[in-house]
Amino acid sequence: MRQQRFALQRFAALLLILALATFAFAQKSKTPVEKTVTGVVSDAKGEPIPGAVVQLKNMKTLQVRSFIAREKGDYIFQGLAADVDWEVKAMSEGKFSKARTISTFDNHTALTVNLQIQE
């Protein structure tokens, strides 16, 4: 009887340890909730283009966010869902950059995507 009780206690302790280990592992493997994308819009010569319009499209909902490039041609989008593909492109004076895709498979939380306006 005493041996059965001891074996049962050991089994319960083992189950508790396994449950805690599983919980700890699940906490570590969580994907980031948000991403940040920054970059610079430039012309073919590499000069920054202040005032360029940068568009970021959510490929799930097709919602588009816009940002007007600052004085040094830089832009930033914050608070982006990590479980969505995003497309970013820029335009200035009727000219466009190539569209670039930010994939859900890229697990970086901070990304730099520089855009060059095509001549």
PDB file of N, CA and C in Angstrom:
ATOM      1  N   MET A   1       0.822  -1.186   0.000  1.00  0.00           N
ATOM      2  CA  MET A   1       0.000   0.000   0.000  1.00  0.00           C
ATOM      3  C   MET A   1       0.867   1.252   0.000  1.00  0.00           C
ATOM      4  N   ARG A   2       1.893   1.211   0.844  1.00  0.00           N
ATOM      5  CA  ARG A   2       2.784   2.367   0.947  1.00  0.00           C
ATOM      6  C   ARG A   2       3.541   2.595  -0.370  1.00  0.00           C
ATOM      7  N   GLN A   3       3.940   1.523  -1.007  1.00  0.00           N
ATOM      8  CA  GLN A   3       4.653   1.624  -2.281  1.00  0.00           C
ATOM      9  C   GLN A   3       3.744   2.188  -3.373  1.00  0.00           C
ATOM     10  N   GLN A   4       2.486   1.807  -3.365  1.00  0.00           N
ATOM     11  CA  GLN A   4       1.541   2.331  -4.357  1.00  0.00           C
ATOM     12  C   GLN A   4       1.352   3.830  -4.183  1.00  0.00           C
ATOM     13  N   ARG A   5       1.230   4.258  -2.946  1.00  0.00           N
ATOM     14  CA  ARG A   5       1.063   5.687  -2.682  1.00  0.00           C
ATOM     15  C   ARG A   5       2.296   6.463  -3.146  1.00  0.00           C
ATOM     16  N   PHE A   6       3.487   5.937  -2.839  1.00  0.00           N
ATOM     17  CA  PHE A   6       4.722   6.579  -3.247  1.00  0.00           C
ATOM     18  C   PHE A   6       4.826   6.650  -4.775  1.00  0.00           C
ATOM     19  N   ALA A   7       4.459   5.561  -5.460  1.00  0.00           N
ATOM     20  CA  ALA A   7       4.491   5.525  -6.923  1.00  0.00           C
ATOM     21  C   ALA A   7       3.497   6.521  -7.506  1.00  0.00           C
ATOM     22  N   LEU A   8       2.344   6.633  -6.907  1.00  0.00           N
ATOM     23  CA  LEU A   8       1.330   7.576  -7.364  1.00  0.00           C
ATOM     24  C   LEU A   8       1.801   9.024  -7.184  1.00  0.00           C
ATOM     25  N   GLN A   9       2.465   9.308  -6.075  1.00  0.00           N
ATOM     26  CA  GLN A   9       3.001  10.651  -5.837  1.00  0.00           C
ATOM     27  C   GLN A   9       4.083  10.989  -6.862  1.00  0.00           C
ATOM     28  N   ARG A  10       4.937  10.030  -7.140  1.00  0.00           N
ATOM     29  CA  ARG A  10       5.999  10.245  -8.137  1.00  0.00           C
ATOM     30  C   ARG A  10       5.389  10.507  -9.516  1.00  0.00           C
ATOM     31  N   PHE A  11       4.361   9.727  -9.855  1.00  0.00           N
ATOM     32  CA  PHE A  11       3.698   9.898 -11.144  1.00  0.00           C
ATOM     33  C   PHE A  11       3.050  11.294 -11.236  1.00  0.00           C
ATOM     34  N   ALA A  12       2.376  11.726 -10.175  1.00  0.00           N
ATOM     35  CA  ALA A  12       1.738  13.047 -10.153  1.00  0.00           C
ATOM     36  C   ALA A  12       2.782  14.149 -10.278  1.00  0.00           C
ATOM     37  N   ALA A  13       3.911  13.987  -9.588  1.00  0.00           N
ATOM     38  CA  ALA A  13       4.987  14.976  -9.669  1.00  0.00           C
ATOM     39  C   ALA A  13       5.551  15.046 -11.090  1.00  0.00           C
ATOM     40  N   LEU A  14       5.707  13.893 -11.724  1.00  0.00           N
ATOM     41  CA  LEU A  14       6.203  13.850 -13.093  1.00  0.00           C
ATOM     42  C   LEU A  14       5.232  14.550 -14.056  1.00  0.00           C
ATOM     43  N   LEU A  15       3.940  14.301 -13.881  1.00  0.00           N
ATOM     44  CA  LEU A  15       2.935  14.972 -14.712  1.00  0.00           C
ATOM     45  C   LEU A  15       2.977  16.483 -14.526  1.00  0.00           C
ATOM     46  N   LEU A  16       3.147  16.942 -13.300  1.00  0.00           N
ATOM     47  CA  LEU A  16       3.224  18.371 -13.018  1.00  0.00           C
ATOM     48  C   LEU A  16       4.444  18.991 -13.699  1.00  0.00           C
ATOM     49  N   ILE A  17       5.577  18.325 -13.627  1.00  0.00           N
ATOM     50  CA  ILE A  17       6.791  18.827 -14.269  1.00  0.00           C
ATOM     51  C   ILE A  17       6.617  18.899 -15.779  1.00  0.00           C
ATOM     52  N   LEU A  18       6.031  17.880 -16.376  1.00  0.00           N
ATOM     53  CA  LEU A  18       5.788  17.885 -17.818  1.00  0.00           C
ATOM     54  C   LEU A  18       4.833  19.006 -18.221  1.00  0.00           C
ATOM     55  N   ALA A  19       3.804  19.227 -17.442  1.00  0.00           N
ATOM     56  CA  ALA A  19       2.846  20.297 -17.742  1.00  0.00           C
ATOM     57  C   ALA A  19       3.528  21.666 -17.676  1.00  0.00           C
ATOM     58  N   LEU A  20       4.348  21.878 -16.652  1.00  0.00           N
ATOM     59  CA  LEU A  20       5.067  23.153 -16.521  1.00  0.00           C
ATOM     60  C   LEU A  20       6.067  23.346 -17.658  1.00  0.00           C
ATOM     61  N   ALA A  21       6.756  22.294 -18.050  1.00  0.00           N
ATOM     62  CA  ALA A  21       7.718  22.392 -19.149  1.00  0.00           C
ATOM     63  C   ALA A  21       7.009  22.724 -20.456  1.00  0.00           C
ATOM     64  N   THR A  22       5.864  22.107 -20.695  1.00  0.00           N
ATOM     65  CA  THR A  22       5.090  22.394 -21.903  1.00  0.00           C
ATOM     66  C   THR A  22       4.629  23.841 -21.915  1.00  0.00           C
ATOM     67  N   PHE A  23       4.162  24.331 -20.784  1.00  0.00           N
ATOM     68  CA  PHE A  23       3.728  25.730 -20.676  1.00  0.00           C
ATOM     69  C   PHE A  23       4.889  26.675 -20.939  1.00  0.00           C
ATOM     70  N   ALA A  24       6.051  26.397 -20.354  1.00  0.00           N
ATOM     71  CA  ALA A  24       7.227  27.260 -20.541  1.00  0.00           C
ATOM     72  C   ALA A  24       7.661  27.266 -21.999  1.00  0.00           C
ATOM     73  N   PHE A  25       7.660  26.114 -22.648  1.00  0.00           N
ATOM     74  CA  PHE A  25       8.045  26.041 -24.053  1.00  0.00           C
ATOM     75  C   PHE A  25       7.067  26.827 -24.928  1.00  0.00           C
ATOM     76  N   ALA A  26       5.785  26.722 -24.650  1.00  0.00           N
ATOM     77  CA  ALA A  26       4.770  27.438 -25.429  1.00  0.00           C
ATOM     78  C   ALA A  26       4.960  28.941 -25.301  1.00  0.00           C
ATOM     79  N   GLN A  27       5.368  29.427 -24.149  1.00  0.00           N
ATOM     80  CA  GLN A  27       5.588  30.858 -23.955  1.00  0.00           C
ATOM     81  C   GLN A  27       6.775  31.341 -24.774  1.00  0.00           C
ATOM     82  N   LYS A  28       7.824  30.547 -24.871  1.00  0.00           N
ATOM     83  CA  LYS A  28       9.014  30.943 -25.620  1.00  0.00           C
ATOM     84  C   LYS A  28       8.779  30.941 -27.129  1.00  0.00           C
ATOM     85  N   SER A  29       7.951  30.043 -27.632  1.00  0.00           N
ATOM     86  CA  SER A  29       7.798  29.892 -29.069  1.00  0.00           C
ATOM     87  C   SER A  29       6.722  30.796 -29.666  1.00  0.00           C
ATOM     88  N   LYS A  30       6.131  31.685 -28.879  1.00  0.00           N
ATOM     89  CA  LYS A  30       5.112  32.584 -29.416  1.00  0.00           C
ATOM     90  C   LYS A  30       5.730  33.497 -30.475  1.00  0.00           C
ATOM     91  N   THR A  31       5.000  33.713 -31.565  1.00  0.00           N
ATOM     92  CA  THR A  31       5.472  34.613 -32.597  1.00  0.00           C
ATOM     93  C   THR A  31       5.215  36.052 -32.166  1.00  0.00           C
ATOM     94  N   PRO A  32       6.031  36.981 -32.637  1.00  0.00           N
ATOM     95  CA  PRO A  32       5.810  38.373 -32.262  1.00  0.00           C
ATOM     96  C   PRO A  32       4.450  38.864 -32.757  1.00  0.00           C
ATOM     97  N   VAL A  33       3.859  39.728 -31.999  1.00  0.00           N
ATOM     98  CA  VAL A  33       2.535  40.229 -32.331  1.00  0.00           C
ATOM     99  C   VAL A  33       2.620  41.318 -33.394  1.00  0.00           C
ATOM    100  N   GLU A  34       3.686  42.099 -33.389  1.00  0.00           N
ATOM    101  CA  GLU A  34       3.778  43.236 -34.303  1.00  0.00           C
ATOM    102  C   GLU A  34       5.148  43.331 -34.968  1.00  0.00           C
ATOM    103  N   LYS A  35       5.149  43.959 -36.146  1.00  0.00           N
ATOM    104  CA  LYS A  35       6.374  44.250 -36.880  1.00  0.00           C
ATOM    105  C   LYS A  35       6.457  45.749 -37.122  1.00  0.00           C
ATOM    106  N   THR A  36       7.675  46.213 -37.383  1.00  0.00           N
ATOM    107  CA  THR A  36       7.926  47.597 -37.771  1.00  0.00           C
ATOM    108  C   THR A  36       8.721  47.573 -39.071  1.00  0.00           C
ATOM    109  N   VAL A  37       8.309  48.396 -40.035  1.00  0.00           N
ATOM    110  CA  VAL A  37       9.012  48.496 -41.308  1.00  0.00           C
ATOM    111  C   VAL A  37       9.485  49.934 -41.472  1.00  0.00           C
ATOM    112  N   THR A  38      10.772  50.092 -41.755  1.00  0.00           N
ATOM    113  CA  THR A  38      11.350  51.407 -42.013  1.00  0.00           C
ATOM    114  C   THR A  38      12.131  51.342 -43.314  1.00  0.00           C
ATOM    115  N   GLY A  39      12.460  52.498 -43.845  1.00  0.00           N
ATOM    116  CA  GLY A  39      13.269  52.548 -45.053  1.00  0.00           C
ATOM    117  C   GLY A  39      13.424  53.960 -45.556  1.00  0.00           C
ATOM    118  N   VAL A  40      14.112  54.066 -46.684  1.00  0.00           N
ATOM    119  CA  VAL A  40      14.352  55.351 -47.337  1.00  0.00           C
ATOM    120  C   VAL A  40      13.914  55.228 -48.789  1.00  0.00           C
ATOM    121  N   VAL A  41      13.238  56.265 -49.273  1.00  0.00           N
ATOM    122  CA  VAL A  41      12.850  56.332 -50.686  1.00  0.00           C
ATOM    123  C   VAL A  41      13.902  57.178 -51.388  1.00  0.00           C
ATOM    124  N   SER A  42      14.447  56.641 -52.482  1.00  0.00           N
ATOM    125  CA  SER A  42      15.480  57.368 -53.219  1.00  0.00           C
ATOM    126  C   SER A  42      15.219  57.317 -54.715  1.00  0.00           C
ATOM    127  N   ASP A  43      15.945  58.189 -55.456  1.00  0.00           N
ATOM    128  CA  ASP A  43      15.838  58.184 -56.916  1.00  0.00           C
ATOM    129  C   ASP A  43      16.897  57.248 -57.488  1.00  0.00           C
ATOM    130  N   ALA A  44      17.013  57.212 -58.808  1.00  0.00           N
ATOM    131  CA  ALA A  44      17.953  56.301 -59.469  1.00  0.00           C
ATOM    132  C   ALA A  44      19.401  56.602 -59.103  1.00  0.00           C
ATOM    133  N   LYS A  45      19.685  57.833 -58.709  1.00  0.00           N
ATOM    134  CA  LYS A  45      21.048  58.221 -58.323  1.00  0.00           C
ATOM    135  C   LYS A  45      21.329  57.952 -56.848  1.00  0.00           C
ATOM    136  N   GLY A  46      20.315  57.497 -56.114  1.00  0.00           N
ATOM    137  CA  GLY A  46      20.498  57.223 -54.698  1.00  0.00           C
ATOM    138  C   GLY A  46      20.194  58.407 -53.796  1.00  0.00           C
ATOM    139  N   GLU A  47      19.692  59.502 -54.384  1.00  0.00           N
ATOM    140  CA  GLU A  47      19.342  60.679 -53.594  1.00  0.00           C
ATOM    141  C   GLU A  47      17.973  60.480 -52.948  1.00  0.00           C
ATOM    142  N   PRO A  48      17.835  60.826 -51.658  1.00  0.00           N
ATOM    143  CA  PRO A  48      16.539  60.665 -50.997  1.00  0.00           C
ATOM    144  C   PRO A  48      15.469  61.559 -51.614  1.00  0.00           C
ATOM    145  N   ILE A  49      14.238  61.110 -51.569  1.00  0.00           N
ATOM    146  CA  ILE A  49      13.112  61.861 -52.135  1.00  0.00           C
ATOM    147  C   ILE A  49      12.143  62.229 -51.007  1.00  0.00           C
ATOM    148  N   PRO A  50      12.290  63.419 -50.426  1.00  0.00           N
ATOM    149  CA  PRO A  50      11.312  63.841 -49.419  1.00  0.00           C
ATOM    150  C   PRO A  50       9.965  64.085 -50.091  1.00  0.00           C
ATOM    151  N   GLY A  51       8.899  63.775 -49.390  1.00  0.00           N
ATOM    152  CA  GLY A  51       7.556  63.986 -49.933  1.00  0.00           C
ATOM    153  C   GLY A  51       7.034  62.859 -50.783  1.00  0.00           C
ATOM    154  N   ALA A  52       7.841  61.824 -51.020  1.00  0.00           N
ATOM    155  CA  ALA A  52       7.346  60.658 -51.764  1.00  0.00           C
ATOM    156  C   ALA A  52       6.252  59.983 -50.931  1.00  0.00           C
ATOM    157  N   VAL A  53       5.277  59.419 -51.601  1.00  0.00           N
ATOM    158  CA  VAL A  53       4.189  58.726 -50.905  1.00  0.00           C
ATOM    159  C   VAL A  53       4.525  57.233 -50.868  1.00  0.00           C
ATOM    160  N   VAL A  54       4.583  56.700 -49.659  1.00  0.00           N
ATOM    161  CA  VAL A  54       4.854  55.278 -49.465  1.00  0.00           C
ATOM    162  C   VAL A  54       3.541  54.618 -49.075  1.00  0.00           C
ATOM    163  N   GLN A  55       3.183  53.557 -49.790  1.00  0.00           N
ATOM    164  CA  GLN A  55       1.947  52.836 -49.507  1.00  0.00           C
ATOM    165  C   GLN A  55       2.262  51.434 -49.006  1.00  0.00           C
ATOM    166  N   LEU A  56       1.545  51.035 -47.966  1.00  0.00           N
ATOM    167  CA  LEU A  56       1.690  49.715 -47.379  1.00  0.00           C
ATOM    168  C   LEU A  56       0.335  49.030 -47.445  1.00  0.00           C
ATOM    169  N   LYS A  57       0.291  47.880 -48.137  1.00  0.00           N
ATOM    170  CA  LYS A  57      -0.983  47.171 -48.330  1.00  0.00           C
ATOM    171  C   LYS A  57      -0.999  45.872 -47.532  1.00  0.00           C
ATOM    172  N   ASN A  58      -2.058  45.683 -46.746  1.00  0.00           N
ATOM    173  CA  ASN A  58      -2.325  44.438 -46.049  1.00  0.00           C
ATOM    174  C   ASN A  58      -2.878  43.475 -47.093  1.00  0.00           C
ATOM    175  N   MET A  59      -2.171  42.396 -47.371  1.00  0.00           N
ATOM    176  CA  MET A  59      -2.564  41.487 -48.441  1.00  0.00           C
ATOM    177  C   MET A  59      -3.737  40.583 -48.045  1.00  0.00           C
ATOM    178  N   LYS A  60      -4.135  40.599 -46.783  1.00  0.00           N
ATOM    179  CA  LYS A  60      -5.307  39.845 -46.339  1.00  0.00           C
ATOM    180  C   LYS A  60      -6.576  40.663 -46.541  1.00  0.00           C
ATOM    181  N   THR A  61      -6.551  41.907 -46.067  1.00  0.00           N
ATOM    182  CA  THR A  61      -7.748  42.753 -46.101  1.00  0.00           C
ATOM    183  C   THR A  61      -7.732  43.748 -47.261  1.00  0.00           C
ATOM    184  N   LEU A  62      -6.572  43.930 -47.905  1.00  0.00           N
ATOM    185  CA  LEU A  62      -6.335  44.894 -48.981  1.00  0.00           C
ATOM    186  C   LEU A  62      -6.423  46.350 -48.497  1.00  0.00           C
ATOM    187  N   GLN A  63      -6.420  46.548 -47.198  1.00  0.00           N
ATOM    188  CA  GLN A  63      -6.382  47.896 -46.626  1.00  0.00           C
ATOM    189  C   GLN A  63      -5.006  48.499 -46.912  1.00  0.00           C
ATOM    190  N   VAL A  64      -4.987  49.808 -47.258  1.00  0.00           N
ATOM    191  CA  VAL A  64      -3.740  50.493 -47.595  1.00  0.00           C
ATOM    192  C   VAL A  64      -3.491  51.624 -46.606  1.00  0.00           C
ATOM    193  N   ARG A  65      -2.258  51.673 -46.100  1.00  0.00           N
ATOM    194  CA  ARG A  65      -1.813  52.784 -45.265  1.00  0.00           C
ATOM    195  C   ARG A  65      -0.829  53.596 -46.087  1.00  0.00           C
ATOM    196  N   SER A  66      -0.798  54.905 -45.845  1.00  0.00           N
ATOM    197  CA  SER A  66       0.133  55.775 -46.571  1.00  0.00           C
ATOM    198  C   SER A  66       0.998  56.550 -45.593  1.00  0.00           C
ATOM    199  N   PHE A  67       2.204  56.882 -46.047  1.00  0.00           N
ATOM    200  CA  PHE A  67       3.134  57.687 -45.261  1.00  0.00           C
ATOM    201  C   PHE A  67       3.851  58.608 -46.240  1.00  0.00           C
ATOM    202  N   ILE A  68       3.957  59.874 -45.902  1.00  0.00           N
ATOM    203  CA  ILE A  68       4.702  60.814 -46.739  1.00  0.00           C
ATOM    204  C   ILE A  68       6.131  60.862 -46.211  1.00  0.00           C
ATOM    205  N   ALA A  69       7.076  60.511 -47.094  1.00  0.00           N
ATOM    206  CA  ALA A  69       8.483  60.437 -46.690  1.00  0.00           C
ATOM    207  C   ALA A  69       8.947  61.772 -46.124  1.00  0.00           C
ATOM    208  N   ARG A  70       9.716  61.690 -45.054  1.00  0.00           N
ATOM    209  CA  ARG A  70      10.207  62.885 -44.375  1.00  0.00           C
ATOM    210  C   ARG A  70      11.356  63.531 -45.150  1.00  0.00           C
ATOM    211  N   GLU A  71      11.947  64.527 -44.551  1.00  0.00           N
ATOM    212  CA  GLU A  71      12.975  65.349 -45.190  1.00  0.00           C
ATOM    213  C   GLU A  71      14.140  64.541 -45.766  1.00  0.00           C
ATOM    214  N   LYS A  72      14.508  63.462 -45.098  1.00  0.00           N
ATOM    215  CA  LYS A  72      15.619  62.626 -45.565  1.00  0.00           C
ATOM    216  C   LYS A  72      15.132  61.428 -46.379  1.00  0.00           C
ATOM    217  N   GLY A  73      13.859  61.458 -46.790  1.00  0.00           N
ATOM    218  CA  GLY A  73      13.291  60.381 -47.594  1.00  0.00           C
ATOM    219  C   GLY A  73      12.900  59.157 -46.795  1.00  0.00           C
ATOM    220  N   ASP A  74      12.973  59.237 -45.472  1.00  0.00           N
ATOM    221  CA  ASP A  74      12.693  58.070 -44.645  1.00  0.00           C
ATOM    222  C   ASP A  74      11.214  57.948 -44.308  1.00  0.00           C
ATOM    223  N   TYR A  75      10.821  56.721 -44.014  1.00  0.00           N
ATOM    224  CA  TYR A  75       9.438  56.421 -43.641  1.00  0.00           C
ATOM    225  C   TYR A  75       9.437  55.341 -42.573  1.00  0.00           C
ATOM    226  N   ILE A  76       8.288  55.171 -41.908  1.00  0.00           N
ATOM    227  CA  ILE A  76       8.141  54.131 -40.887  1.00  0.00           C
ATOM    228  C   ILE A  76       6.675  53.711 -40.792  1.00  0.00           C
ATOM    229  N   PHE A  77       6.469  52.415 -40.667  1.00  0.00           N
ATOM    230  CA  PHE A  77       5.151  51.844 -40.372  1.00  0.00           C
ATOM    231  C   PHE A  77       5.335  50.956 -39.146  1.00  0.00           C
ATOM    232  N   GLN A  78       4.525  51.184 -38.116  1.00  0.00           N
ATOM    233  CA  GLN A  78       4.634  50.421 -36.874  1.00  0.00           C
ATOM    234  C   GLN A  78       3.330  49.687 -36.580  1.00  0.00           C
ATOM    235  N   GLY A  79       3.419  48.713 -35.704  1.00  0.00           N
ATOM    236  CA  GLY A  79       2.224  48.006 -35.255  1.00  0.00           C
ATOM    237  C   GLY A  79       1.620  47.095 -36.304  1.00  0.00           C
ATOM    238  N   LEU A  80       2.457  46.519 -37.164  1.00  0.00           N
ATOM    239  CA  LEU A  80       1.955  45.644 -38.231  1.00  0.00           C
ATOM    240  C   LEU A  80       1.797  44.221 -37.723  1.00  0.00           C
ATOM    241  N   ALA A  81       0.685  43.609 -38.053  1.00  0.00           N
ATOM    242  CA  ALA A  81       0.435  42.222 -37.645  1.00  0.00           C
ATOM    243  C   ALA A  81       1.489  41.308 -38.267  1.00  0.00           C
ATOM    244  N   ALA A  82       2.009  40.396 -37.458  1.00  0.00           N
ATOM    245  CA  ALA A  82       3.044  39.477 -37.930  1.00  0.00           C
ATOM    246  C   ALA A  82       2.473  38.317 -38.730  1.00  0.00           C
ATOM    247  N   ASP A  83       1.166  38.101 -38.660  1.00  0.00           N
ATOM    248  CA  ASP A  83       0.551  36.969 -39.350  1.00  0.00           C
ATOM    249  C   ASP A  83      -0.066  37.355 -40.686  1.00  0.00           C
ATOM    250  N   VAL A  84       0.412  38.459 -41.268  1.00  0.00           N
ATOM    251  CA  VAL A  84      -0.114  38.973 -42.531  1.00  0.00           C
ATOM    252  C   VAL A  84       1.053  39.279 -43.463  1.00  0.00           C
ATOM    253  N   ASP A  85       0.882  38.993 -44.762  1.00  0.00           N
ATOM    254  CA  ASP A  85       1.844  39.456 -45.760  1.00  0.00           C
ATOM    255  C   ASP A  85       1.529  40.920 -46.063  1.00  0.00           C
ATOM    256  N   TRP A  86       2.578  41.716 -46.264  1.00  0.00           N
ATOM    257  CA  TRP A  86       2.425  43.136 -46.561  1.00  0.00           C
ATOM    258  C   TRP A  86       3.136  43.456 -47.861  1.00  0.00           C
ATOM    259  N   GLU A  87       2.616  44.444 -48.604  1.00  0.00           N
ATOM    260  CA  GLU A  87       3.270  44.919 -49.824  1.00  0.00           C
ATOM    261  C   GLU A  87       3.537  46.408 -49.649  1.00  0.00           C
ATOM    262  N   VAL A  88       4.770  46.818 -49.931  1.00  0.00           N
ATOM    263  CA  VAL A  88       5.140  48.228 -49.773  1.00  0.00           C
ATOM    264  C   VAL A  88       5.696  48.738 -51.099  1.00  0.00           C
ATOM    265  N   LYS A  89       5.309  49.975 -51.458  1.00  0.00           N
ATOM    266  CA  LYS A  89       5.817  50.605 -52.671  1.00  0.00           C
ATOM    267  C   LYS A  89       5.773  52.123 -52.476  1.00  0.00           C
ATOM    268  N   ALA A  90       6.492  52.833 -53.332  1.00  0.00           N
ATOM    269  CA  ALA A  90       6.547  54.292 -53.218  1.00  0.00           C
ATOM    270  C   ALA A  90       6.270  54.921 -54.577  1.00  0.00           C
ATOM    271  N   MET A  91       5.810  56.183 -54.522  1.00  0.00           N
ATOM    272  CA  MET A  91       5.570  56.929 -55.756  1.00  0.00           C
ATOM    273  C   MET A  91       5.915  58.394 -55.529  1.00  0.00           C
ATOM    274  N   SER A  92       6.369  59.025 -56.614  1.00  0.00           N
ATOM    275  CA  SER A  92       6.691  60.444 -56.565  1.00  0.00           C
ATOM    276  C   SER A  92       6.652  60.995 -57.987  1.00  0.00           C
ATOM    277  N   GLU A  93       5.911  62.074 -58.166  1.00  0.00           N
ATOM    278  CA  GLU A  93       5.807  62.759 -59.457  1.00  0.00           C
ATOM    279  C   GLU A  93       5.468  61.814 -60.602  1.00  0.00           C
ATOM    280  N   GLY A  94       4.535  60.912 -60.371  1.00  0.00           N
ATOM    281  CA  GLY A  94       4.065  59.992 -61.406  1.00  0.00           C
ATOM    282  C   GLY A  94       4.973  58.808 -61.670  1.00  0.00           C
ATOM    283  N   LYS A  95       6.047  58.657 -60.898  1.00  0.00           N
ATOM    284  CA  LYS A  95       6.964  57.521 -61.057  1.00  0.00           C
ATOM    285  C   LYS A  95       6.849  56.627 -59.831  1.00  0.00           C
ATOM    286  N   PHE A  96       7.124  55.340 -60.037  1.00  0.00           N
ATOM    287  CA  PHE A  96       6.909  54.357 -58.989  1.00  0.00           C
ATOM    288  C   PHE A  96       8.161  53.531 -58.712  1.00  0.00           C
ATOM    289  N   SER A  97       8.194  52.954 -57.526  1.00  0.00           N
ATOM    290  CA  SER A  97       9.210  51.952 -57.199  1.00  0.00           C
ATOM    291  C   SER A  97       8.608  50.577 -57.474  1.00  0.00           C
ATOM    292  N   LYS A  98       9.442  49.564 -57.442  1.00  0.00           N
ATOM    293  CA  LYS A  98       8.928  48.199 -57.508  1.00  0.00           C
ATOM    294  C   LYS A  98       8.254  47.889 -56.179  1.00  0.00           C
ATOM    295  N   ALA A  99       7.190  47.111 -56.231  1.00  0.00           N
ATOM    296  CA  ALA A  99       6.520  46.678 -55.003  1.00  0.00           C
ATOM    297  C   ALA A  99       7.361  45.600 -54.344  1.00  0.00           C
ATOM    298  N   ARG A 100       7.498  45.686 -53.036  1.00  0.00           N
ATOM    299  CA  ARG A 100       8.266  44.703 -52.270  1.00  0.00           C
ATOM    300  C   ARG A 100       7.316  44.017 -51.288  1.00  0.00           C
ATOM    301  N   THR A 101       7.490  42.733 -51.100  1.00  0.00           N
ATOM    302  CA  THR A 101       6.628  41.961 -50.210  1.00  0.00           C
ATOM    303  C   THR A 101       7.353  41.657 -48.901  1.00  0.00           C
ATOM    304  N   ILE A 102       6.622  41.828 -47.810  1.00  0.00           N
ATOM    305  CA  ILE A 102       7.099  41.460 -46.484  1.00  0.00           C
ATOM    306  C   ILE A 102       6.292  40.222 -46.096  1.00  0.00           C
ATOM    307  N   SER A 103       6.964  39.113 -46.002  1.00  0.00           N
ATOM    308  CA  SER A 103       6.296  37.820 -45.815  1.00  0.00           C
ATOM    309  C   SER A 103       6.089  37.479 -44.340  1.00  0.00           C
ATOM    310  N   THR A 104       5.052  36.710 -44.094  1.00  0.00           N
ATOM    311  CA  THR A 104       4.819  36.203 -42.740  1.00  0.00           C
ATOM    312  C   THR A 104       5.936  35.244 -42.329  1.00  0.00           C
ATOM    313  N   PHE A 105       6.648  34.689 -43.304  1.00  0.00           N
ATOM    314  CA  PHE A 105       7.737  33.759 -43.011  1.00  0.00           C
ATOM    315  C   PHE A 105       8.975  34.470 -42.491  1.00  0.00           C
ATOM    316  N   ASP A 106       9.059  35.797 -42.691  1.00  0.00           N
ATOM    317  CA  ASP A 106      10.166  36.576 -42.154  1.00  0.00           C
ATOM    318  C   ASP A 106       9.826  36.892 -40.702  1.00  0.00           C
ATOM    319  N   ASN A 107      10.540  36.277 -39.773  1.00  0.00           N
ATOM    320  CA  ASN A 107      10.180  36.434 -38.366  1.00  0.00           C
ATOM    321  C   ASN A 107      10.878  37.597 -37.672  1.00  0.00           C
ATOM    322  N   HIS A 108      11.549  38.464 -38.428  1.00  0.00           N
ATOM    323  CA  HIS A 108      12.150  39.661 -37.836  1.00  0.00           C
ATOM    324  C   HIS A 108      11.043  40.635 -37.425  1.00  0.00           C
ATOM    325  N   THR A 109      11.219  41.287 -36.296  1.00  0.00           N
ATOM    326  CA  THR A 109      10.214  42.250 -35.846  1.00  0.00           C
ATOM    327  C   THR A 109      10.490  43.643 -36.398  1.00  0.00           C
ATOM    328  N   ALA A 110      11.739  43.924 -36.771  1.00  0.00           N
ATOM    329  CA  ALA A 110      12.097  45.214 -37.356  1.00  0.00           C
ATOM    330  C   ALA A 110      12.752  44.960 -38.708  1.00  0.00           C
ATOM    331  N   LEU A 111      12.148  45.498 -39.762  1.00  0.00           N
ATOM    332  CA  LEU A 111      12.654  45.283 -41.118  1.00  0.00           C
ATOM    333  C   LEU A 111      12.976  46.621 -41.768  1.00  0.00           C
ATOM    334  N   THR A 112      14.000  46.629 -42.608  1.00  0.00           N
ATOM    335  CA  THR A 112      14.346  47.805 -43.399  1.00  0.00           C
ATOM    336  C   THR A 112      14.100  47.484 -44.860  1.00  0.00           C
ATOM    337  N   VAL A 113      13.239  48.273 -45.501  1.00  0.00           N
ATOM    338  CA  VAL A 113      12.931  48.084 -46.914  1.00  0.00           C
ATOM    339  C   VAL A 113      13.151  49.423 -47.599  1.00  0.00           C
ATOM    340  N   ASN A 114      14.278  49.568 -48.268  1.00  0.00           N
ATOM    341  CA  ASN A 114      14.576  50.784 -49.022  1.00  0.00           C
ATOM    342  C   ASN A 114      13.934  50.668 -50.408  1.00  0.00           C
ATOM    343  N   LEU A 115      13.351  51.761 -50.862  1.00  0.00           N
ATOM    344  CA  LEU A 115      12.634  51.777 -52.144  1.00  0.00           C
ATOM    345  C   LEU A 115      13.291  52.766 -53.084  1.00  0.00           C
ATOM    346  N   GLN A 116      13.449  52.371 -54.348  1.00  0.00           N
ATOM    347  CA  GLN A 116      14.033  53.256 -55.346  1.00  0.00           C
ATOM    348  C   GLN A 116      13.013  53.536 -56.437  1.00  0.00           C
ATOM    349  N   ILE A 117      12.752  54.815 -56.652  1.00  0.00           N
ATOM    350  CA  ILE A 117      11.832  55.236 -57.700  1.00  0.00           C
ATOM    351  C   ILE A 117      12.491  55.006 -59.057  1.00  0.00           C
ATOM    352  N   GLN A 118      11.762  54.348 -59.955  1.00  0.00           N
ATOM    353  CA  GLN A 118      12.283  54.030 -61.290  1.00  0.00           C
ATOM    354  C   GLN A 118      12.170  55.240 -62.214  1.00  0.00           C
ATOM    355  N   GLU A 119      13.134  55.434 -63.061  1.00  0.00           N
ATOM    356  CA  GLU A 119      13.119  56.535 -64.047  1.00  0.00           C
ATOM    357  C   GLU A 119      12.238  56.178 -65.216  1.00  0.00           C
TER     358      GLU A 119
END
